[in-house]
Amino acid sequence: MRGNSTQLPALLHVLSHASESHQAVQALITLGELCDLGLVPETIWNTRRELSARH
């Protein structure tokens, strides 16, 4: 939460576009960590839905 939040949209874009299965697993782990940090749940869910659509 103390980091540079201007990079968050780029991070979420990368996470939602994970193409290989091991990347998808890491993306889900990272999304969980972002939840723990207090990111808006709707933002996490939208990214998760985009990731799911690719797999």
PDB file of N, CA and C in Angstrom:
ATOM      1  N   MET A   1       0.814  -1.195   0.000  1.00  0.00           N
ATOM      2  CA  MET A   1       0.000   0.000   0.000  1.00  0.00           C
ATOM      3  C   MET A   1       0.858   1.259   0.000  1.00  0.00           C
ATOM      4  N   ARG A   2       2.091   1.144   0.410  1.00  0.00           N
ATOM      5  CA  ARG A   2       2.961   2.319   0.433  1.00  0.00           C
ATOM      6  C   ARG A   2       3.717   2.480  -0.879  1.00  0.00           C
ATOM      7  N   GLY A   3       3.486   1.570  -1.820  1.00  0.00           N
ATOM      8  CA  GLY A   3       4.203   1.631  -3.085  1.00  0.00           C
ATOM      9  C   GLY A   3       3.603   2.649  -4.040  1.00  0.00           C
ATOM     10  N   ASN A   4       4.073   2.615  -5.241  1.00  0.00           N
ATOM     11  CA  ASN A   4       3.630   3.532  -6.278  1.00  0.00           C
ATOM     12  C   ASN A   4       2.344   2.982  -6.902  1.00  0.00           C
ATOM     13  N   SER A   5       1.201   3.516  -6.519  1.00  0.00           N
ATOM     14  CA  SER A   5      -0.078   3.002  -7.004  1.00  0.00           C
ATOM     15  C   SER A   5      -0.356   3.370  -8.454  1.00  0.00           C
ATOM     16  N   THR A   6       0.458   4.226  -9.051  1.00  0.00           N
ATOM     17  CA  THR A   6       0.242   4.563 -10.455  1.00  0.00           C
ATOM     18  C   THR A   6       0.555   3.373 -11.352  1.00  0.00           C
ATOM     19  N   GLN A   7       1.285   2.405 -10.846  1.00  0.00           N
ATOM     20  CA  GLN A   7       1.631   1.214 -11.620  1.00  0.00           C
ATOM     21  C   GLN A   7       0.582   0.114 -11.508  1.00  0.00           C
ATOM     22  N   LEU A   8      -0.404   0.305 -10.640  1.00  0.00           N
ATOM     23  CA  LEU A   8      -1.417  -0.723 -10.403  1.00  0.00           C
ATOM     24  C   LEU A   8      -2.184  -1.119 -11.665  1.00  0.00           C
ATOM     25  N   PRO A   9      -2.663  -0.184 -12.475  1.00  0.00           N
ATOM     26  CA  PRO A   9      -3.369  -0.596 -13.697  1.00  0.00           C
ATOM     27  C   PRO A   9      -2.501  -1.467 -14.617  1.00  0.00           C
ATOM     28  N   ALA A  10      -1.239  -1.149 -14.728  1.00  0.00           N
ATOM     29  CA  ALA A  10      -0.340  -1.952 -15.558  1.00  0.00           C
ATOM     30  C   ALA A  10      -0.163  -3.351 -14.970  1.00  0.00           C
ATOM     31  N   LEU A  11      -0.024  -3.432 -13.651  1.00  0.00           N
ATOM     32  CA  LEU A  11       0.109  -4.735 -12.994  1.00  0.00           C
ATOM     33  C   LEU A  11      -1.138  -5.574 -13.213  1.00  0.00           C
ATOM     34  N   LEU A  12      -2.298  -4.985 -13.031  1.00  0.00           N
ATOM     35  CA  LEU A  12      -3.543  -5.733 -13.229  1.00  0.00           C
ATOM     36  C   LEU A  12      -3.688  -6.197 -14.673  1.00  0.00           C
ATOM     37  N   HIS A  13      -3.254  -5.385 -15.614  1.00  0.00           N
ATOM     38  CA  HIS A  13      -3.298  -5.775 -17.028  1.00  0.00           C
ATOM     39  C   HIS A  13      -2.408  -6.995 -17.269  1.00  0.00           C
ATOM     40  N   VAL A  14      -1.209  -6.969 -16.734  1.00  0.00           N
ATOM     41  CA  VAL A  14      -0.283  -8.099 -16.897  1.00  0.00           C
ATOM     42  C   VAL A  14      -0.871  -9.352 -16.256  1.00  0.00           C
ATOM     43  N   LEU A  15      -1.422  -9.216 -15.057  1.00  0.00           N
ATOM     44  CA  LEU A  15      -1.999 -10.371 -14.370  1.00  0.00           C
ATOM     45  C   LEU A  15      -3.166 -10.967 -15.155  1.00  0.00           C
ATOM     46  N   SER A  16      -3.995 -10.120 -15.720  1.00  0.00           N
ATOM     47  CA  SER A  16      -5.165 -10.618 -16.457  1.00  0.00           C
ATOM     48  C   SER A  16      -4.792 -11.272 -17.776  1.00  0.00           C
ATOM     49  N   HIS A  17      -3.583 -11.022 -18.262  1.00  0.00           N
ATOM     50  CA  HIS A  17      -3.151 -11.580 -19.541  1.00  0.00           C
ATOM     51  C   HIS A  17      -2.155 -12.736 -19.393  1.00  0.00           C
ATOM     52  N   ALA A  18      -2.062 -13.296 -18.201  1.00  0.00           N
ATOM     53  CA  ALA A  18      -1.177 -14.454 -18.004  1.00  0.00           C
ATOM     54  C   ALA A  18      -1.649 -15.559 -18.938  1.00  0.00           C
ATOM     55  N   SER A  19      -0.740 -16.114 -19.724  1.00  0.00           N
ATOM     56  CA  SER A  19      -1.166 -17.073 -20.744  1.00  0.00           C
ATOM     57  C   SER A  19      -0.871 -18.527 -20.385  1.00  0.00           C
ATOM     58  N   GLU A  20       0.212 -18.783 -19.713  1.00  0.00           N
ATOM     59  CA  GLU A  20       0.561 -20.158 -19.364  1.00  0.00           C
ATOM     60  C   GLU A  20       0.002 -20.495 -17.984  1.00  0.00           C
ATOM     61  N   SER A  21      -0.210 -21.793 -17.744  1.00  0.00           N
ATOM     62  CA  SER A  21      -0.865 -22.193 -16.495  1.00  0.00           C
ATOM     63  C   SER A  21      -0.069 -21.782 -15.259  1.00  0.00           C
ATOM     64  N   HIS A  22       1.260 -21.886 -15.298  1.00  0.00           N
ATOM     65  CA  HIS A  22       2.037 -21.483 -14.124  1.00  0.00           C
ATOM     66  C   HIS A  22       1.963 -19.968 -13.900  1.00  0.00           C
ATOM     67  N   GLN A  23       1.805 -19.209 -14.984  1.00  0.00           N
ATOM     68  CA  GLN A  23       1.635 -17.769 -14.860  1.00  0.00           C
ATOM     69  C   GLN A  23       0.269 -17.444 -14.256  1.00  0.00           C
ATOM     70  N   ALA A  24      -0.748 -18.200 -14.650  1.00  0.00           N
ATOM     71  CA  ALA A  24      -2.089 -17.982 -14.118  1.00  0.00           C
ATOM     72  C   ALA A  24      -2.119 -18.246 -12.618  1.00  0.00           C
ATOM     73  N   VAL A  25      -1.432 -19.291 -12.187  1.00  0.00           N
ATOM     74  CA  VAL A  25      -1.370 -19.596 -10.756  1.00  0.00           C
ATOM     75  C   VAL A  25      -0.707 -18.449 -10.008  1.00  0.00           C
ATOM     76  N   GLN A  26       0.393 -17.954 -10.521  1.00  0.00           N
ATOM     77  CA  GLN A  26       1.072 -16.838  -9.865  1.00  0.00           C
ATOM     78  C   GLN A  26       0.206 -15.587  -9.880  1.00  0.00           C
ATOM     79  N   ALA A  27      -0.538 -15.374 -10.961  1.00  0.00           N
ATOM     80  CA  ALA A  27      -1.437 -14.216 -11.031  1.00  0.00           C
ATOM     81  C   ALA A  27      -2.506 -14.303  -9.945  1.00  0.00           C
ATOM     82  N   LEU A  28      -3.051 -15.500  -9.726  1.00  0.00           N
ATOM     83  CA  LEU A  28      -4.066 -15.675  -8.687  1.00  0.00           C
ATOM     84  C   LEU A  28      -3.484 -15.429  -7.297  1.00  0.00           C
ATOM     85  N   ILE A  29      -2.274 -15.894  -7.079  1.00  0.00           N
ATOM     86  CA  ILE A  29      -1.604 -15.651  -5.796  1.00  0.00           C
ATOM     87  C   ILE A  29      -1.421 -14.153  -5.580  1.00  0.00           C
ATOM     88  N   THR A  30      -0.976 -13.469  -6.613  1.00  0.00           N
ATOM     89  CA  THR A  30      -0.752 -12.029  -6.518  1.00  0.00           C
ATOM     90  C   THR A  30      -2.064 -11.285  -6.282  1.00  0.00           C
ATOM     91  N   LEU A  31      -3.133 -11.707  -6.944  1.00  0.00           N
ATOM     92  CA  LEU A  31      -4.432 -11.085  -6.717  1.00  0.00           C
ATOM     93  C   LEU A  31      -4.875 -11.275  -5.265  1.00  0.00           C
ATOM     94  N   GLY A  32      -4.617 -12.449  -4.715  1.00  0.00           N
ATOM     95  CA  GLY A  32      -4.927 -12.688  -3.304  1.00  0.00           C
ATOM     96  C   GLY A  32      -4.144 -11.764  -2.393  1.00  0.00           C
ATOM     97  N   GLU A  33      -2.880 -11.558  -2.714  1.00  0.00           N
ATOM     98  CA  GLU A  33      -2.053 -10.650  -1.916  1.00  0.00           C
ATOM     99  C   GLU A  33      -2.559  -9.210  -2.016  1.00  0.00           C
ATOM    100  N   LEU A  34      -3.015  -8.823  -3.199  1.00  0.00           N
ATOM    101  CA  LEU A  34      -3.572  -7.483  -3.360  1.00  0.00           C
ATOM    102  C   LEU A  34      -4.853  -7.324  -2.550  1.00  0.00           C
ATOM    103  N   CYS A  35      -5.632  -8.396  -2.456  1.00  0.00           N
ATOM    104  CA  CYS A  35      -6.833  -8.364  -1.598  1.00  0.00           C
ATOM    105  C   CYS A  35      -6.435  -8.115  -0.155  1.00  0.00           C
ATOM    106  N   ASP A  36      -5.411  -8.829   0.281  1.00  0.00           N
ATOM    107  CA  ASP A  36      -4.944  -8.672   1.664  1.00  0.00           C
ATOM    108  C   ASP A  36      -4.456  -7.259   1.948  1.00  0.00           C
ATOM    109  N   LEU A  37      -3.983  -6.578   0.910  1.00  0.00           N
ATOM    110  CA  LEU A  37      -3.500  -5.204   1.072  1.00  0.00           C
ATOM    111  C   LEU A  37      -4.629  -4.184   1.054  1.00  0.00           C
ATOM    112  N   GLY A  38      -5.835  -4.642   0.735  1.00  0.00           N
ATOM    113  CA  GLY A  38      -6.979  -3.738   0.778  1.00  0.00           C
ATOM    114  C   GLY A  38      -7.414  -3.158  -0.550  1.00  0.00           C
ATOM    115  N   LEU A  39      -6.966  -3.746  -1.647  1.00  0.00           N
ATOM    116  CA  LEU A  39      -7.418  -3.268  -2.948  1.00  0.00           C
ATOM    117  C   LEU A  39      -8.924  -3.493  -3.066  1.00  0.00           C
ATOM    118  N   VAL A  40      -9.596  -2.638  -3.790  1.00  0.00           N
ATOM    119  CA  VAL A  40     -11.047  -2.736  -3.955  1.00  0.00           C
ATOM    120  C   VAL A  40     -11.406  -4.104  -4.534  1.00  0.00           C
ATOM    121  N   PRO A  41     -12.265  -4.857  -3.847  1.00  0.00           N
ATOM    122  CA  PRO A  41     -12.606  -6.213  -4.299  1.00  0.00           C
ATOM    123  C   PRO A  41     -13.131  -6.278  -5.731  1.00  0.00           C
ATOM    124  N   GLU A  42     -13.885  -5.276  -6.146  1.00  0.00           N
ATOM    125  CA  GLU A  42     -14.408  -5.269  -7.509  1.00  0.00           C
ATOM    126  C   GLU A  42     -13.280  -5.246  -8.540  1.00  0.00           C
ATOM    127  N   THR A  43     -12.226  -4.528  -8.250  1.00  0.00           N
ATOM    128  CA  THR A  43     -11.071  -4.458  -9.134  1.00  0.00           C
ATOM    129  C   THR A  43     -10.408  -5.826  -9.248  1.00  0.00           C
ATOM    130  N   ILE A  44     -10.247  -6.501  -8.110  1.00  0.00           N
ATOM    131  CA  ILE A  44      -9.664  -7.838  -8.100  1.00  0.00           C
ATOM    132  C   ILE A  44     -10.552  -8.795  -8.891  1.00  0.00           C
ATOM    133  N   TRP A  45     -11.854  -8.734  -8.649  1.00  0.00           N
ATOM    134  CA  TRP A  45     -12.780  -9.655  -9.302  1.00  0.00           C
ATOM    135  C   TRP A  45     -12.775  -9.445 -10.821  1.00  0.00           C
ATOM    136  N   ASN A  46     -12.760  -8.208 -11.269  1.00  0.00           N
ATOM    137  CA  ASN A  46     -12.732  -7.943 -12.710  1.00  0.00           C
ATOM    138  C   ASN A  46     -11.472  -8.505 -13.348  1.00  0.00           C
ATOM    139  N   THR A  47     -10.344  -8.343 -12.686  1.00  0.00           N
ATOM    140  CA  THR A  47      -9.086  -8.888 -13.201  1.00  0.00           C
ATOM    141  C   THR A  47      -9.151 -10.408 -13.230  1.00  0.00           C
ATOM    142  N   ARG A  48      -9.716 -10.996 -12.188  1.00  0.00           N
ATOM    143  CA  ARG A  48      -9.852 -12.456 -12.113  1.00  0.00           C
ATOM    144  C   ARG A  48     -10.758 -12.975 -13.242  1.00  0.00           C
ATOM    145  N   ARG A  49     -11.804 -12.255 -13.538  1.00  0.00           N
ATOM    146  CA  ARG A  49     -12.699 -12.666 -14.630  1.00  0.00           C
ATOM    147  C   ARG A  49     -11.995 -12.600 -15.982  1.00  0.00           C
ATOM    148  N   GLU A  50     -11.200 -11.575 -16.195  1.00  0.00           N
ATOM    149  CA  GLU A  50     -10.441 -11.467 -17.441  1.00  0.00           C
ATOM    150  C   GLU A  50      -9.448 -12.623 -17.567  1.00  0.00           C
ATOM    151  N   LEU A  51      -8.779 -12.939 -16.478  1.00  0.00           N
ATOM    152  CA  LEU A  51      -7.838 -14.057 -16.477  1.00  0.00           C
ATOM    153  C   LEU A  51      -8.568 -15.364 -16.778  1.00  0.00           C
ATOM    154  N   SER A  52      -9.695 -15.560 -16.146  1.00  0.00           N
ATOM    155  CA  SER A  52     -10.475 -16.784 -16.347  1.00  0.00           C
ATOM    156  C   SER A  52     -10.922 -16.928 -17.803  1.00  0.00           C
ATOM    157  N   ALA A  53     -11.299 -15.845 -18.427  1.00  0.00           N
ATOM    158  CA  ALA A  53     -11.750 -15.884 -19.811  1.00  0.00           C
ATOM    159  C   ALA A  53     -10.649 -16.350 -20.766  1.00  0.00           C
ATOM    160  N   ARG A  54      -9.409 -16.169 -20.380  1.00  0.00           N
ATOM    161  CA  ARG A  54      -8.289 -16.577 -21.224  1.00  0.00           C
ATOM    162  C   ARG A  54      -7.950 -18.049 -21.070  1.00  0.00           C
ATOM    163  N   HIS A  55      -8.496 -18.662 -20.033  1.00  0.00           N
ATOM    164  CA  HIS A  55      -8.173 -20.069 -19.781  1.00  0.00           C
ATOM    165  C   HIS A  55      -9.397 -20.871 -19.918  1.00  0.00           C
TER     166      HIS A  55
END
